[in-house]
């Protein structure tokens, strides 16, 4: 005999993951390693920031703000290649 309450107890698990600035920063760091970009000056020119800021981002010492131009530029660079 089938359980009559089984359909009432069905649970649907829907997981949503929104991309945060740390996720983008980690992907960008992996992208720079994959493309053999080691120069802070070269990365800084690509992101239109200073070399010191580029080093801080790649060392994960500084986080870009969620809606910053740097974060948008990182996404654009990764999508272009």
C-alpha atoms as a PDB file:
ATOM      1  CA  UNK A   1       0.000   0.000   0.000  1.00  0.00           C
ATOM      2  CA  UNK A   2       1.398   3.393  -0.989  1.00  0.00           C
ATOM      3  CA  UNK A   3       1.955   6.164   1.500  1.00  0.00           C
ATOM      4  CA  UNK A   4      -0.696   8.854   0.925  1.00  0.00           C
ATOM      5  CA  UNK A   5       1.409  11.567   2.570  1.00  0.00           C
ATOM      6  CA  UNK A   6       4.431  11.108   0.314  1.00  0.00           C
ATOM      7  CA  UNK A   7       3.441  13.826  -2.191  1.00  0.00           C
ATOM      8  CA  UNK A   8       2.819  16.300   0.633  1.00  0.00           C
ATOM      9  CA  UNK A   9       6.303  15.798   2.040  1.00  0.00           C
ATOM     10  CA  UNK A  10       8.201  16.326  -1.191  1.00  0.00           C
ATOM     11  CA  UNK A  11      10.867  19.004  -0.827  1.00  0.00           C
ATOM     12  CA  UNK A  12      12.489  20.773  -3.738  1.00  0.00           C
ATOM     13  CA  UNK A  13      16.004  22.000  -3.103  1.00  0.00           C
ATOM     14  CA  UNK A  14      16.881  25.010  -5.196  1.00  0.00           C
ATOM     15  CA  UNK A  15      20.349  26.392  -4.573  1.00  0.00           C
ATOM     16  CA  UNK A  16      21.247  29.811  -5.906  1.00  0.00           C
ATOM     17  CA  UNK A  17      24.810  30.997  -5.884  1.00  0.00           C
ATOM     18  CA  UNK A  18      25.446  34.641  -6.561  1.00  0.00           C
ATOM     19  CA  UNK A  19      28.907  35.572  -7.660  1.00  0.00           C
ATOM     20  CA  UNK A  20      30.670  37.693  -5.051  1.00  0.00           C
ATOM     21  CA  UNK A  21      33.781  39.784  -5.477  1.00  0.00           C
ATOM     22  CA  UNK A  22      35.974  37.073  -3.931  1.00  0.00           C
ATOM     23  CA  UNK A  23      34.808  34.558  -6.556  1.00  0.00           C
ATOM     24  CA  UNK A  24      35.653  36.959  -9.371  1.00  0.00           C
ATOM     25  CA  UNK A  25      39.014  37.786  -7.807  1.00  0.00           C
ATOM     26  CA  UNK A  26      39.937  34.107  -7.461  1.00  0.00           C
ATOM     27  CA  UNK A  27      38.918  33.396 -11.063  1.00  0.00           C
ATOM     28  CA  UNK A  28      40.931  36.403 -12.236  1.00  0.00           C
ATOM     29  CA  UNK A  29      43.972  35.186 -10.311  1.00  0.00           C
ATOM     30  CA  UNK A  30      43.659  31.754 -11.949  1.00  0.00           C
ATOM     31  CA  UNK A  31      43.176  33.451 -15.332  1.00  0.00           C
ATOM     32  CA  UNK A  32      46.417  35.438 -14.926  1.00  0.00           C
ATOM     33  CA  UNK A  33      48.332  32.257 -14.057  1.00  0.00           C
ATOM     34  CA  UNK A  34      46.832  30.430 -17.027  1.00  0.00           C
ATOM     35  CA  UNK A  35      47.845  33.238 -19.403  1.00  0.00           C
ATOM     36  CA  UNK A  36      51.323  33.545 -17.800  1.00  0.00           C
ATOM     37  CA  UNK A  37      50.793  37.150 -16.719  1.00  0.00           C
ATOM     38  CA  UNK A  38      53.301  37.767 -13.961  1.00  0.00           C
ATOM     39  CA  UNK A  39      54.042  41.480 -14.269  1.00  0.00           C
ATOM     40  CA  UNK A  40      52.136  43.715 -11.883  1.00  0.00           C
ATOM     41  CA  UNK A  41      52.651  46.621 -14.265  1.00  0.00           C
ATOM     42  CA  UNK A  42      51.084  44.728 -17.174  1.00  0.00           C
ATOM     43  CA  UNK A  43      48.091  43.606 -15.102  1.00  0.00           C
ATOM     44  CA  UNK A  44      47.690  47.134 -13.705  1.00  0.00           C
ATOM     45  CA  UNK A  45      47.580  48.573 -17.228  1.00  0.00           C
ATOM     46  CA  UNK A  46      44.912  46.057 -18.210  1.00  0.00           C
ATOM     47  CA  UNK A  47      42.770  47.029 -15.195  1.00  0.00           C
ATOM     48  CA  UNK A  48      43.577  50.771 -15.323  1.00  0.00           C
ATOM     49  CA  UNK A  49      44.905  50.823 -11.748  1.00  0.00           C
ATOM     50  CA  UNK A  50      48.302  51.291 -10.094  1.00  0.00           C
ATOM     51  CA  UNK A  51      50.779  48.391  -9.911  1.00  0.00           C
ATOM     52  CA  UNK A  52      50.580  48.442  -6.098  1.00  0.00           C
ATOM     53  CA  UNK A  53      46.805  47.979  -6.213  1.00  0.00           C
ATOM     54  CA  UNK A  54      47.192  45.151  -8.747  1.00  0.00           C
ATOM     55  CA  UNK A  55      49.626  43.364  -6.414  1.00  0.00           C
ATOM     56  CA  UNK A  56      47.220  43.769  -3.475  1.00  0.00           C
ATOM     57  CA  UNK A  57      44.358  42.286  -5.513  1.00  0.00           C
ATOM     58  CA  UNK A  58      46.440  39.322  -6.685  1.00  0.00           C
ATOM     59  CA  UNK A  59      47.696  38.670  -3.137  1.00  0.00           C
ATOM     60  CA  UNK A  60      44.074  38.810  -1.928  1.00  0.00           C
ATOM     61  CA  UNK A  61      45.090  41.562   0.495  1.00  0.00           C
ATOM     62  CA  UNK A  62      42.451  43.915  -0.887  1.00  0.00           C
ATOM     63  CA  UNK A  63      38.946  43.190  -2.123  1.00  0.00           C
ATOM     64  CA  UNK A  64      37.294  45.186  -4.897  1.00  0.00           C
ATOM     65  CA  UNK A  65      33.863  46.576  -4.118  1.00  0.00           C
ATOM     66  CA  UNK A  66      30.962  44.617  -5.578  1.00  0.00           C
ATOM     67  CA  UNK A  67      29.990  47.253  -8.154  1.00  0.00           C
ATOM     68  CA  UNK A  68      33.443  48.676  -8.842  1.00  0.00           C
ATOM     69  CA  UNK A  69      34.904  49.319 -12.277  1.00  0.00           C
ATOM     70  CA  UNK A  70      37.871  47.061 -11.456  1.00  0.00           C
ATOM     71  CA  UNK A  71      35.589  44.091 -10.879  1.00  0.00           C
ATOM     72  CA  UNK A  72      33.725  44.744 -14.123  1.00  0.00           C
ATOM     73  CA  UNK A  73      37.030  45.061 -16.006  1.00  0.00           C
ATOM     74  CA  UNK A  74      38.236  41.735 -14.571  1.00  0.00           C
ATOM     75  CA  UNK A  75      35.073  40.030 -15.846  1.00  0.00           C
ATOM     76  CA  UNK A  76      35.454  41.652 -19.272  1.00  0.00           C
ATOM     77  CA  UNK A  77      39.082  40.526 -19.594  1.00  0.00           C
ATOM     78  CA  UNK A  78      38.245  36.952 -18.663  1.00  0.00           C
ATOM     79  CA  UNK A  79      35.317  36.818 -21.113  1.00  0.00           C
ATOM     80  CA  UNK A  80      37.330  38.262 -24.009  1.00  0.00           C
ATOM     81  CA  UNK A  81      39.783  35.372 -24.132  1.00  0.00           C
END
